[in-house]
């Protein structure tokens, strides 16, 4: 998972990677929240997969997965949870990476 490269959100030619994009969410301070997106590596091999990838790049529709959010918590959220100091929050799913993991243990 640590080998997943960071890519630009508008870099539709990149085959795999992650990027963050600003979001508006009342849980977080305005302008201080982002969504984490993941672009899984292509599973298909062959001539058609290359054409498909190029077509998606032109159309700007790579099918990226939203895997999490991060940001600075809004003061009203801090108050409701009785937190007396500023803090950030991060939540993301590891599920997209499970199928890519290799078995470490063997019998």
PDB file of N, CA and C in Angstrom:
ATOM      1  N   UNK A   1       0.822  -1.189   0.000  1.00  0.00           N
ATOM      2  CA  UNK A   1       0.000   0.000   0.000  1.00  0.00           C
ATOM      3  C   UNK A   1       0.866   1.253   0.000  1.00  0.00           C
ATOM      4  N   UNK A   2       2.018   1.214   0.634  1.00  0.00           N
ATOM      5  CA  UNK A   2       2.878   2.390   0.681  1.00  0.00           C
ATOM      6  C   UNK A   2       3.496   2.709  -0.672  1.00  0.00           C
ATOM      7  N   UNK A   3       3.386   1.792  -1.610  1.00  0.00           N
ATOM      8  CA  UNK A   3       3.952   2.006  -2.935  1.00  0.00           C
ATOM      9  C   UNK A   3       2.972   2.672  -3.898  1.00  0.00           C
ATOM     10  N   UNK A   4       1.791   3.017  -3.431  1.00  0.00           N
ATOM     11  CA  UNK A   4       0.795   3.673  -4.280  1.00  0.00           C
ATOM     12  C   UNK A   4       1.234   5.114  -4.487  1.00  0.00           C
ATOM     13  N   UNK A   5       1.467   5.529  -5.744  1.00  0.00           N
ATOM     14  CA  UNK A   5       1.948   6.892  -5.983  1.00  0.00           C
ATOM     15  C   UNK A   5       0.840   7.933  -5.857  1.00  0.00           C
ATOM     16  N   UNK A   6       1.240   9.140  -5.505  1.00  0.00           N
ATOM     17  CA  UNK A   6       0.292  10.257  -5.499  1.00  0.00           C
ATOM     18  C   UNK A   6       0.227  10.802  -6.916  1.00  0.00           C
ATOM     19  N   UNK A   7      -0.977  11.026  -7.405  1.00  0.00           N
ATOM     20  CA  UNK A   7      -1.177  11.544  -8.755  1.00  0.00           C
ATOM     21  C   UNK A   7      -2.040  12.796  -8.679  1.00  0.00           C
ATOM     22  N   UNK A   8      -2.067  13.551  -9.752  1.00  0.00           N
ATOM     23  CA  UNK A   8      -2.930  14.720  -9.815  1.00  0.00           C
ATOM     24  C   UNK A   8      -4.367  14.302 -10.098  1.00  0.00           C
ATOM     25  N   UNK A   9      -5.312  15.014  -9.552  1.00  0.00           N
ATOM     26  CA  UNK A   9      -6.717  14.699  -9.762  1.00  0.00           C
ATOM     27  C   UNK A   9      -7.158  14.809 -11.207  1.00  0.00           C
ATOM     28  N   UNK A  10      -6.440  15.598 -11.993  1.00  0.00           N
ATOM     29  CA  UNK A  10      -6.777  15.753 -13.409  1.00  0.00           C
ATOM     30  C   UNK A  10      -5.821  14.988 -14.311  1.00  0.00           C
ATOM     31  N   UNK A  11      -4.968  14.165 -13.729  1.00  0.00           N
ATOM     32  CA  UNK A  11      -4.023  13.357 -14.507  1.00  0.00           C
ATOM     33  C   UNK A  11      -4.708  12.053 -14.908  1.00  0.00           C
ATOM     34  N   UNK A  12      -5.491  12.104 -15.971  1.00  0.00           N
ATOM     35  CA  UNK A  12      -6.276  10.946 -16.381  1.00  0.00           C
ATOM     36  C   UNK A  12      -5.437   9.883 -17.080  1.00  0.00           C
ATOM     37  N   UNK A  13      -4.206  10.201 -17.427  1.00  0.00           N
ATOM     38  CA  UNK A  13      -3.341   9.214 -18.081  1.00  0.00           C
ATOM     39  C   UNK A  13      -2.651   8.299 -17.074  1.00  0.00           C
ATOM     40  N   UNK A  14      -2.576   8.711 -15.817  1.00  0.00           N
ATOM     41  CA  UNK A  14      -1.939   7.873 -14.792  1.00  0.00           C
ATOM     42  C   UNK A  14      -2.784   6.618 -14.586  1.00  0.00           C
ATOM     43  N   UNK A  15      -2.128   5.458 -14.609  1.00  0.00           N
ATOM     44  CA  UNK A  15      -2.861   4.198 -14.497  1.00  0.00           C
ATOM     45  C   UNK A  15      -3.319   3.904 -13.078  1.00  0.00           C
ATOM     46  N   UNK A  16      -2.526   4.282 -12.086  1.00  0.00           N
ATOM     47  CA  UNK A  16      -2.875   3.980 -10.703  1.00  0.00           C
ATOM     48  C   UNK A  16      -2.327   5.062  -9.787  1.00  0.00           C
ATOM     49  N   UNK A  17      -2.941   5.201  -8.621  1.00  0.00           N
ATOM     50  CA  UNK A  17      -2.461   6.169  -7.647  1.00  0.00           C
ATOM     51  C   UNK A  17      -3.602   6.709  -6.805  1.00  0.00           C
ATOM     52  N   UNK A  18      -3.267   7.686  -5.987  1.00  0.00           N
ATOM     53  CA  UNK A  18      -4.278   8.338  -5.157  1.00  0.00           C
ATOM     54  C   UNK A  18      -4.126   9.842  -5.296  1.00  0.00           C
ATOM     55  N   UNK A  19      -5.186  10.561  -5.000  1.00  0.00           N
ATOM     56  CA  UNK A  19      -5.139  12.022  -4.973  1.00  0.00           C
ATOM     57  C   UNK A  19      -6.199  12.526  -4.004  1.00  0.00           C
ATOM     58  N   UNK A  20      -6.044  13.769  -3.581  1.00  0.00           N
ATOM     59  CA  UNK A  20      -7.033  14.377  -2.700  1.00  0.00           C
ATOM     60  C   UNK A  20      -7.666  15.565  -3.418  1.00  0.00           C
ATOM     61  N   UNK A  21      -8.930  15.805  -3.102  1.00  0.00           N
ATOM     62  CA  UNK A  21      -9.681  16.875  -3.748  1.00  0.00           C
ATOM     63  C   UNK A  21     -10.503  17.589  -2.681  1.00  0.00           C
ATOM     64  N   UNK A  22     -10.483  18.904  -2.706  1.00  0.00           N
ATOM     65  CA  UNK A  22     -11.216  19.689  -1.704  1.00  0.00           C
ATOM     66  C   UNK A  22     -12.702  19.357  -1.731  1.00  0.00           C
ATOM     67  N   UNK A  23     -13.299  19.351  -0.534  1.00  0.00           N
ATOM     68  CA  UNK A  23     -14.734  19.099  -0.411  1.00  0.00           C
ATOM     69  C   UNK A  23     -15.327  20.041   0.619  1.00  0.00           C
ATOM     70  N   UNK A  24     -16.623  20.248   0.534  1.00  0.00           N
ATOM     71  CA  UNK A  24     -17.355  21.032   1.523  1.00  0.00           C
ATOM     72  C   UNK A  24     -18.150  20.059   2.386  1.00  0.00           C
ATOM     73  N   UNK A  25     -17.902  20.100   3.681  1.00  0.00           N
ATOM     74  CA  UNK A  25     -18.553  19.187   4.617  1.00  0.00           C
ATOM     75  C   UNK A  25     -18.728  19.941   5.928  1.00  0.00           C
ATOM     76  N   UNK A  26     -19.944  19.982   6.486  1.00  0.00           N
ATOM     77  CA  UNK A  26     -20.166  20.742   7.719  1.00  0.00           C
ATOM     78  C   UNK A  26     -19.407  20.196   8.929  1.00  0.00           C
ATOM     79  N   UNK A  27     -18.905  18.984   8.849  1.00  0.00           N
ATOM     80  CA  UNK A  27     -18.113  18.409   9.938  1.00  0.00           C
ATOM     81  C   UNK A  27     -16.768  19.111  10.072  1.00  0.00           C
ATOM     82  N   UNK A  28     -16.280  19.639   8.953  1.00  0.00           N
ATOM     83  CA  UNK A  28     -14.948  20.223   8.912  1.00  0.00           C
ATOM     84  C   UNK A  28     -14.995  21.740   8.735  1.00  0.00           C
ATOM     85  N   UNK A  29     -13.917  22.389   9.108  1.00  0.00           N
ATOM     86  CA  UNK A  29     -13.749  23.823   8.942  1.00  0.00           C
ATOM     87  C   UNK A  29     -13.839  24.151   7.448  1.00  0.00           C
ATOM     88  N   UNK A  30     -14.528  25.234   7.065  1.00  0.00           N
ATOM     89  CA  UNK A  30     -14.666  25.570   5.641  1.00  0.00           C
ATOM     90  C   UNK A  30     -13.307  25.719   4.947  1.00  0.00           C
ATOM     91  N   UNK A  31     -13.170  25.064   3.814  1.00  0.00           N
ATOM     92  CA  UNK A  31     -11.934  25.128   3.041  1.00  0.00           C
ATOM     93  C   UNK A  31     -10.809  24.272   3.586  1.00  0.00           C
ATOM     94  N   UNK A  32     -11.086  23.467   4.601  1.00  0.00           N
ATOM     95  CA  UNK A  32     -10.046  22.651   5.234  1.00  0.00           C
ATOM     96  C   UNK A  32     -10.437  21.177   5.280  1.00  0.00           C
ATOM     97  N   UNK A  33     -11.099  20.706   4.231  1.00  0.00           N
ATOM     98  CA  UNK A  33     -11.490  19.299   4.158  1.00  0.00           C
ATOM     99  C   UNK A  33     -11.205  18.780   2.754  1.00  0.00           C
ATOM    100  N   UNK A  34     -10.949  17.485   2.659  1.00  0.00           N
ATOM    101  CA  UNK A  34     -10.651  16.882   1.362  1.00  0.00           C
ATOM    102  C   UNK A  34     -11.152  15.443   1.318  1.00  0.00           C
ATOM    103  N   UNK A  35     -11.425  14.999   0.105  1.00  0.00           N
ATOM    104  CA  UNK A  35     -11.793  13.612  -0.151  1.00  0.00           C
ATOM    105  C   UNK A  35     -10.566  12.909  -0.715  1.00  0.00           C
ATOM    106  N   UNK A  36     -10.358  11.662  -0.316  1.00  0.00           N
ATOM    107  CA  UNK A  36      -9.244  10.861  -0.820  1.00  0.00           C
ATOM    108  C   UNK A  36      -9.794   9.921  -1.888  1.00  0.00           C
ATOM    109  N   UNK A  37      -9.207   9.968  -3.073  1.00  0.00           N
ATOM    110  CA  UNK A  37      -9.616   9.100  -4.179  1.00  0.00           C
ATOM    111  C   UNK A  37      -8.488   8.140  -4.520  1.00  0.00           C
ATOM    112  N   UNK A  38      -8.876   6.947  -4.969  1.00  0.00           N
ATOM    113  CA  UNK A  38      -7.906   5.924  -5.361  1.00  0.00           C
ATOM    114  C   UNK A  38      -8.251   5.409  -6.749  1.00  0.00           C
ATOM    115  N   UNK A  39      -7.246   5.334  -7.595  1.00  0.00           N
ATOM    116  CA  UNK A  39      -7.393   4.771  -8.936  1.00  0.00           C
ATOM    117  C   UNK A  39      -6.665   3.431  -8.947  1.00  0.00           C
ATOM    118  N   UNK A  40      -7.427   2.362  -9.018  1.00  0.00           N
ATOM    119  CA  UNK A  40      -6.853   1.014  -8.988  1.00  0.00           C
ATOM    120  C   UNK A  40      -6.112   0.726 -10.289  1.00  0.00           C
ATOM    121  N   UNK A  41      -5.079  -0.114 -10.226  1.00  0.00           N
ATOM    122  CA  UNK A  41      -4.369  -0.470 -11.455  1.00  0.00           C
ATOM    123  C   UNK A  41      -5.280  -1.248 -12.396  1.00  0.00           C
ATOM    124  N   UNK A  42      -5.060  -1.111 -13.701  1.00  0.00           N
ATOM    125  CA  UNK A  42      -5.904  -1.833 -14.659  1.00  0.00           C
ATOM    126  C   UNK A  42      -5.720  -3.341 -14.512  1.00  0.00           C
ATOM    127  N   UNK A  43      -6.821  -4.069 -14.589  1.00  0.00           N
ATOM    128  CA  UNK A  43      -6.785  -5.524 -14.458  1.00  0.00           C
ATOM    129  C   UNK A  43      -6.660  -6.214 -15.809  1.00  0.00           C
ATOM    130  N   UNK A  44      -7.063  -5.529 -16.844  1.00  0.00           N
ATOM    131  CA  UNK A  44      -7.081  -6.132 -18.175  1.00  0.00           C
ATOM    132  C   UNK A  44      -5.746  -5.914 -18.875  1.00  0.00           C
ATOM    133  N   UNK A  45      -5.376  -6.862 -19.694  1.00  0.00           N
ATOM    134  CA  UNK A  45      -4.166  -6.749 -20.514  1.00  0.00           C
ATOM    135  C   UNK A  45      -4.573  -6.936 -21.969  1.00  0.00           C
ATOM    136  N   UNK A  46      -3.845  -6.308 -22.847  1.00  0.00           N
ATOM    137  CA  UNK A  46      -4.119  -6.486 -24.263  1.00  0.00           C
ATOM    138  C   UNK A  46      -4.401  -5.167 -24.963  1.00  0.00           C
ATOM    139  N   UNK A  47      -4.663  -5.275 -26.259  1.00  0.00           N
ATOM    140  CA  UNK A  47      -4.862  -4.096 -27.097  1.00  0.00           C
ATOM    141  C   UNK A  47      -6.110  -3.313 -26.701  1.00  0.00           C
ATOM    142  N   UNK A  48      -7.185  -4.013 -26.401  1.00  0.00           N
ATOM    143  CA  UNK A  48      -8.427  -3.319 -26.053  1.00  0.00           C
ATOM    144  C   UNK A  48      -8.320  -2.555 -24.747  1.00  0.00           C
ATOM    145  N   UNK A  49      -7.551  -3.068 -23.804  1.00  0.00           N
ATOM    146  CA  UNK A  49      -7.414  -2.352 -22.532  1.00  0.00           C
ATOM    147  C   UNK A  49      -6.693  -1.023 -22.730  1.00  0.00           C
ATOM    148  N   UNK A  50      -5.718  -0.980 -23.633  1.00  0.00           N
ATOM    149  CA  UNK A  50      -5.022   0.269 -23.933  1.00  0.00           C
ATOM    150  C   UNK A  50      -5.947   1.290 -24.567  1.00  0.00           C
ATOM    151  N   UNK A  51      -6.777   0.837 -25.489  1.00  0.00           N
ATOM    152  CA  UNK A  51      -7.742   1.723 -26.136  1.00  0.00           C
ATOM    153  C   UNK A  51      -8.753   2.229 -25.113  1.00  0.00           C
ATOM    154  N   UNK A  52      -9.212   1.334 -24.253  1.00  0.00           N
ATOM    155  CA  UNK A  52     -10.174   1.708 -23.215  1.00  0.00           C
ATOM    156  C   UNK A  52      -9.583   2.763 -22.282  1.00  0.00           C
ATOM    157  N   UNK A  53      -8.327   2.581 -21.864  1.00  0.00           N
ATOM    158  CA  UNK A  53      -7.657   3.535 -20.974  1.00  0.00           C
ATOM    159  C   UNK A  53      -7.524   4.900 -21.653  1.00  0.00           C
ATOM    160  N   UNK A  54      -7.125   4.904 -22.942  1.00  0.00           N
ATOM    161  CA  UNK A  54      -6.976   6.165 -23.666  1.00  0.00           C
ATOM    162  C   UNK A  54      -8.317   6.881 -23.822  1.00  0.00           C
ATOM    163  N   UNK A  55      -9.370   6.118 -24.062  1.00  0.00           N
ATOM    164  CA  UNK A  55     -10.700   6.707 -24.202  1.00  0.00           C
ATOM    165  C   UNK A  55     -11.160   7.326 -22.887  1.00  0.00           C
ATOM    166  N   UNK A  56     -10.914   6.633 -21.780  1.00  0.00           N
ATOM    167  CA  UNK A  56     -11.270   7.185 -20.468  1.00  0.00           C
ATOM    168  C   UNK A  56     -10.479   8.458 -20.188  1.00  0.00           C
ATOM    169  N   UNK A  57      -9.215   8.498 -20.615  1.00  0.00           N
ATOM    170  CA  UNK A  57      -8.393   9.688 -20.404  1.00  0.00           C
ATOM    171  C   UNK A  57      -8.964  10.880 -21.161  1.00  0.00           C
ATOM    172  N   UNK A  58      -9.423  10.649 -22.383  1.00  0.00           N
ATOM    173  CA  UNK A  58      -9.998  11.725 -23.189  1.00  0.00           C
ATOM    174  C   UNK A  58     -11.322  12.196 -22.588  1.00  0.00           C
ATOM    175  N   UNK A  59     -12.139  11.257 -22.129  1.00  0.00           N
ATOM    176  CA  UNK A  59     -13.448  11.601 -21.577  1.00  0.00           C
ATOM    177  C   UNK A  59     -13.372  12.098 -20.143  1.00  0.00           C
ATOM    178  N   UNK A  60     -12.255  11.858 -19.480  1.00  0.00           N
ATOM    179  CA  UNK A  60     -12.104  12.294 -18.092  1.00  0.00           C
ATOM    180  C   UNK A  60     -12.942  11.496 -17.120  1.00  0.00           C
ATOM    181  N   UNK A  61     -13.102  10.215 -17.373  1.00  0.00           N
ATOM    182  CA  UNK A  61     -13.920   9.364 -16.502  1.00  0.00           C
ATOM    183  C   UNK A  61     -13.164   8.094 -16.117  1.00  0.00           C
ATOM    184  N   UNK A  62     -12.151   8.208 -15.270  1.00  0.00           N
ATOM    185  CA  UNK A  62     -11.340   7.033 -14.959  1.00  0.00           C
ATOM    186  C   UNK A  62     -11.984   6.051 -13.985  1.00  0.00           C
ATOM    187  N   UNK A  63     -13.083   6.392 -13.345  1.00  0.00           N
ATOM    188  CA  UNK A  63     -13.724   5.474 -12.407  1.00  0.00           C
ATOM    189  C   UNK A  63     -12.996   5.387 -11.082  1.00  0.00           C
ATOM    190  N   UNK A  64     -12.530   6.506 -10.573  1.00  0.00           N
ATOM    191  CA  UNK A  64     -11.801   6.531  -9.308  1.00  0.00           C
ATOM    192  C   UNK A  64     -12.741   6.257  -8.135  1.00  0.00           C
ATOM    193  N   UNK A  65     -12.204   5.599  -7.109  1.00  0.00           N
ATOM    194  CA  UNK A  65     -12.979   5.257  -5.919  1.00  0.00           C
ATOM    195  C   UNK A  65     -12.748   6.278  -4.817  1.00  0.00           C
ATOM    196  N   UNK A  66     -13.814   6.713  -4.181  1.00  0.00           N
ATOM    197  CA  UNK A  66     -13.686   7.569  -2.998  1.00  0.00           C
ATOM    198  C   UNK A  66     -13.404   6.645  -1.821  1.00  0.00           C
ATOM    199  N   UNK A  67     -12.218   6.779  -1.218  1.00  0.00           N
ATOM    200  CA  UNK A  67     -11.858   5.860  -0.134  1.00  0.00           C
ATOM    201  C   UNK A  67     -11.772   6.532   1.231  1.00  0.00           C
ATOM    202  N   UNK A  68     -11.909   7.856   1.294  1.00  0.00           N
ATOM    203  CA  UNK A  68     -11.851   8.478   2.609  1.00  0.00           C
ATOM    204  C   UNK A  68     -11.968   9.981   2.590  1.00  0.00           C
ATOM    205  N   UNK A  69     -11.894  10.545   3.802  1.00  0.00           N
ATOM    206  CA  UNK A  69     -11.958  11.994   3.997  1.00  0.00           C
ATOM    207  C   UNK A  69     -10.953  12.402   5.065  1.00  0.00           C
ATOM    208  N   UNK A  70     -10.550  13.661   5.006  1.00  0.00           N
ATOM    209  CA  UNK A  70      -9.694  14.217   6.042  1.00  0.00           C
ATOM    210  C   UNK A  70      -9.945  15.707   6.142  1.00  0.00           C
ATOM    211  N   UNK A  71      -9.628  16.274   7.298  1.00  0.00           N
ATOM    212  CA  UNK A  71      -9.802  17.704   7.463  1.00  0.00           C
ATOM    213  C   UNK A  71      -9.690  18.150   8.905  1.00  0.00           C
ATOM    214  N   UNK A  72      -9.779  19.462   9.089  1.00  0.00           N
ATOM    215  CA  UNK A  72      -9.752  20.079  10.416  1.00  0.00           C
ATOM    216  C   UNK A  72     -11.196  20.173  10.902  1.00  0.00           C
ATOM    217  N   UNK A  73     -11.458  19.624  12.068  1.00  0.00           N
ATOM    218  CA  UNK A  73     -12.827  19.596  12.588  1.00  0.00           C
ATOM    219  C   UNK A  73     -13.358  21.004  12.869  1.00  0.00           C
ATOM    220  N   UNK A  74     -14.634  21.205  12.558  1.00  0.00           N
ATOM    221  CA  UNK A  74     -15.301  22.487  12.759  1.00  0.00           C
ATOM    222  C   UNK A  74     -15.454  22.752  14.261  1.00  0.00           C
ATOM    223  N   UNK A  75     -15.359  24.014  14.689  1.00  0.00           N
ATOM    224  CA  UNK A  75     -15.512  24.339  16.113  1.00  0.00           C
ATOM    225  C   UNK A  75     -16.818  23.836  16.734  1.00  0.00           C
ATOM    226  N   UNK A  76     -17.904  23.821  15.968  1.00  0.00           N
ATOM    227  CA  UNK A  76     -19.169  23.320  16.525  1.00  0.00           C
ATOM    228  C   UNK A  76     -19.095  21.819  16.816  1.00  0.00           C
ATOM    229  N   UNK A  77     -18.373  21.077  16.008  1.00  0.00           N
ATOM    230  CA  UNK A  77     -18.179  19.640  16.248  1.00  0.00           C
ATOM    231  C   UNK A  77     -17.320  19.443  17.490  1.00  0.00           C
ATOM    232  N   UNK A  78     -16.264  20.233  17.600  1.00  0.00           N
ATOM    233  CA  UNK A  78     -15.395  20.144  18.778  1.00  0.00           C
ATOM    234  C   UNK A  78     -16.187  20.429  20.051  1.00  0.00           C
ATOM    235  N   UNK A  79     -17.055  21.427  19.985  1.00  0.00           N
ATOM    236  CA  UNK A  79     -17.861  21.801  21.153  1.00  0.00           C
ATOM    237  C   UNK A  79     -18.823  20.677  21.551  1.00  0.00           C
ATOM    238  N   UNK A  80     -19.476  20.071  20.570  1.00  0.00           N
ATOM    239  CA  UNK A  80     -20.444  19.007  20.869  1.00  0.00           C
ATOM    240  C   UNK A  80     -19.778  17.771  21.465  1.00  0.00           C
ATOM    241  N   UNK A  81     -18.533  17.535  21.107  1.00  0.00           N
ATOM    242  CA  UNK A  81     -17.809  16.393  21.668  1.00  0.00           C
ATOM    243  C   UNK A  81     -16.928  16.794  22.853  1.00  0.00           C
ATOM    244  N   UNK A  82     -17.093  18.042  23.286  1.00  0.00           N
ATOM    245  CA  UNK A  82     -16.360  18.568  24.442  1.00  0.00           C
ATOM    246  C   UNK A  82     -14.845  18.423  24.290  1.00  0.00           C
ATOM    247  N   UNK A  83     -14.381  18.765  23.089  1.00  0.00           N
ATOM    248  CA  UNK A  83     -12.941  18.775  22.818  1.00  0.00           C
ATOM    249  C   UNK A  83     -12.500  20.229  22.890  1.00  0.00           C
ATOM    250  N   UNK A  84     -11.593  20.540  23.780  1.00  0.00           N
ATOM    251  CA  UNK A  84     -11.217  21.924  24.029  1.00  0.00           C
ATOM    252  C   UNK A  84     -10.041  22.436  23.221  1.00  0.00           C
ATOM    253  N   UNK A  85      -9.650  21.746  22.181  1.00  0.00           N
ATOM    254  CA  UNK A  85      -8.496  22.167  21.387  1.00  0.00           C
ATOM    255  C   UNK A  85      -8.739  21.776  19.926  1.00  0.00           C
ATOM    256  N   UNK A  86      -8.118  22.485  18.991  1.00  0.00           N
ATOM    257  CA  UNK A  86      -8.305  22.157  17.576  1.00  0.00           C
ATOM    258  C   UNK A  86      -7.710  20.784  17.258  1.00  0.00           C
ATOM    259  N   UNK A  87      -8.363  20.066  16.378  1.00  0.00           N
ATOM    260  CA  UNK A  87      -7.802  18.785  15.938  1.00  0.00           C
ATOM    261  C   UNK A  87      -8.324  18.431  14.550  1.00  0.00           C
ATOM    262  N   UNK A  88      -7.638  17.503  13.933  1.00  0.00           N
ATOM    263  CA  UNK A  88      -7.992  17.025  12.602  1.00  0.00           C
ATOM    264  C   UNK A  88      -8.519  15.606  12.690  1.00  0.00           C
ATOM    265  N   UNK A  89      -9.188  15.182  11.633  1.00  0.00           N
ATOM    266  CA  UNK A  89      -9.710  13.819  11.567  1.00  0.00           C
ATOM    267  C   UNK A  89      -9.376  13.229  10.203  1.00  0.00           C
ATOM    268  N   UNK A  90      -9.157  11.931  10.202  1.00  0.00           N
ATOM    269  CA  UNK A  90      -8.855  11.192   8.978  1.00  0.00           C
ATOM    270  C   UNK A  90      -9.580   9.861   9.045  1.00  0.00           C
ATOM    271  N   UNK A  91     -10.245   9.510   7.967  1.00  0.00           N
ATOM    272  CA  UNK A  91     -10.902   8.212   7.868  1.00  0.00           C
ATOM    273  C   UNK A  91     -10.744   7.727   6.438  1.00  0.00           C
ATOM    274  N   UNK A  92     -10.234   6.501   6.271  1.00  0.00           N
ATOM    275  CA  UNK A  92     -10.194   5.928   4.939  1.00  0.00           C
ATOM    276  C   UNK A  92     -10.276   4.416   5.007  1.00  0.00           C
ATOM    277  N   UNK A  93     -10.731   3.838   3.910  1.00  0.00           N
ATOM    278  CA  UNK A  93     -10.961   2.399   3.829  1.00  0.00           C
ATOM    279  C   UNK A  93      -9.754   1.706   3.211  1.00  0.00           C
ATOM    280  N   UNK A  94      -9.391   0.573   3.774  1.00  0.00           N
ATOM    281  CA  UNK A  94      -8.304  -0.244   3.229  1.00  0.00           C
ATOM    282  C   UNK A  94      -8.824  -1.339   2.302  1.00  0.00           C
ATOM    283  N   UNK A  95     -10.129  -1.451   2.178  1.00  0.00           N
ATOM    284  CA  UNK A  95     -10.736  -2.511   1.368  1.00  0.00           C
ATOM    285  C   UNK A  95     -10.203  -2.582  -0.063  1.00  0.00           C
ATOM    286  N   UNK A  96     -10.030  -1.462  -0.781  1.00  0.00           N
ATOM    287  CA  UNK A  96      -9.539  -1.568  -2.157  1.00  0.00           C
ATOM    288  C   UNK A  96      -8.145  -2.188  -2.261  1.00  0.00           C
ATOM    289  N   UNK A  97      -7.398  -2.183  -1.176  1.00  0.00           N
ATOM    290  CA  UNK A  97      -6.030  -2.692  -1.208  1.00  0.00           C
ATOM    291  C   UNK A  97      -5.942  -4.162  -0.818  1.00  0.00           C
ATOM    292  N   UNK A  98      -6.996  -4.719  -0.266  1.00  0.00           N
ATOM    293  CA  UNK A  98      -6.955  -6.101   0.213  1.00  0.00           C
ATOM    294  C   UNK A  98      -6.674  -7.104  -0.892  1.00  0.00           C
ATOM    295  N   UNK A  99      -7.294  -6.947  -2.038  1.00  0.00           N
ATOM    296  CA  UNK A  99      -7.102  -7.916  -3.107  1.00  0.00           C
ATOM    297  C   UNK A  99      -5.706  -7.830  -3.718  1.00  0.00           C
ATOM    298  N   UNK A 100      -5.016  -6.724  -3.491  1.00  0.00           N
ATOM    299  CA  UNK A 100      -3.674  -6.562  -4.022  1.00  0.00           C
ATOM    300  C   UNK A 100      -2.604  -7.079  -3.068  1.00  0.00           C
ATOM    301  N   UNK A 101      -2.992  -7.356  -1.839  1.00  0.00           N
ATOM    302  CA  UNK A 101      -2.018  -7.815  -0.855  1.00  0.00           C
ATOM    303  C   UNK A 101      -1.589  -9.241  -1.162  1.00  0.00           C
ATOM    304  N   UNK A 102      -0.333  -9.502  -0.942  1.00  0.00           N
ATOM    305  CA  UNK A 102       0.188 -10.844  -1.145  1.00  0.00           C
ATOM    306  C   UNK A 102       0.183 -11.582   0.183  1.00  0.00           C
ATOM    307  N   UNK A 103       0.020 -12.884   0.114  1.00  0.00           N
ATOM    308  CA  UNK A 103       0.007 -13.693   1.324  1.00  0.00           C
ATOM    309  C   UNK A 103       1.390 -13.680   1.973  1.00  0.00           C
ATOM    310  N   UNK A 104       1.421 -13.396   3.258  1.00  0.00           N
ATOM    311  CA  UNK A 104       2.685 -13.357   3.993  1.00  0.00           C
ATOM    312  C   UNK A 104       2.928 -14.686   4.690  1.00  0.00           C
ATOM    313  N   UNK A 105       1.866 -15.229   5.251  1.00  0.00           N
ATOM    314  CA  UNK A 105       1.984 -16.469   6.019  1.00  0.00           C
ATOM    315  C   UNK A 105       1.639 -17.659   5.151  1.00  0.00           C
ATOM    316  N   UNK A 106       2.353 -18.724   5.367  1.00  0.00           N
ATOM    317  CA  UNK A 106       2.038 -19.973   4.674  1.00  0.00           C
ATOM    318  C   UNK A 106       2.177 -21.132   5.646  1.00  0.00           C
ATOM    319  N   UNK A 107       1.496 -22.206   5.352  1.00  0.00           N
ATOM    320  CA  UNK A 107       1.548 -23.378   6.237  1.00  0.00           C
ATOM    321  C   UNK A 107       2.817 -24.178   6.031  1.00  0.00           C
TER     322      UNK A 107
END
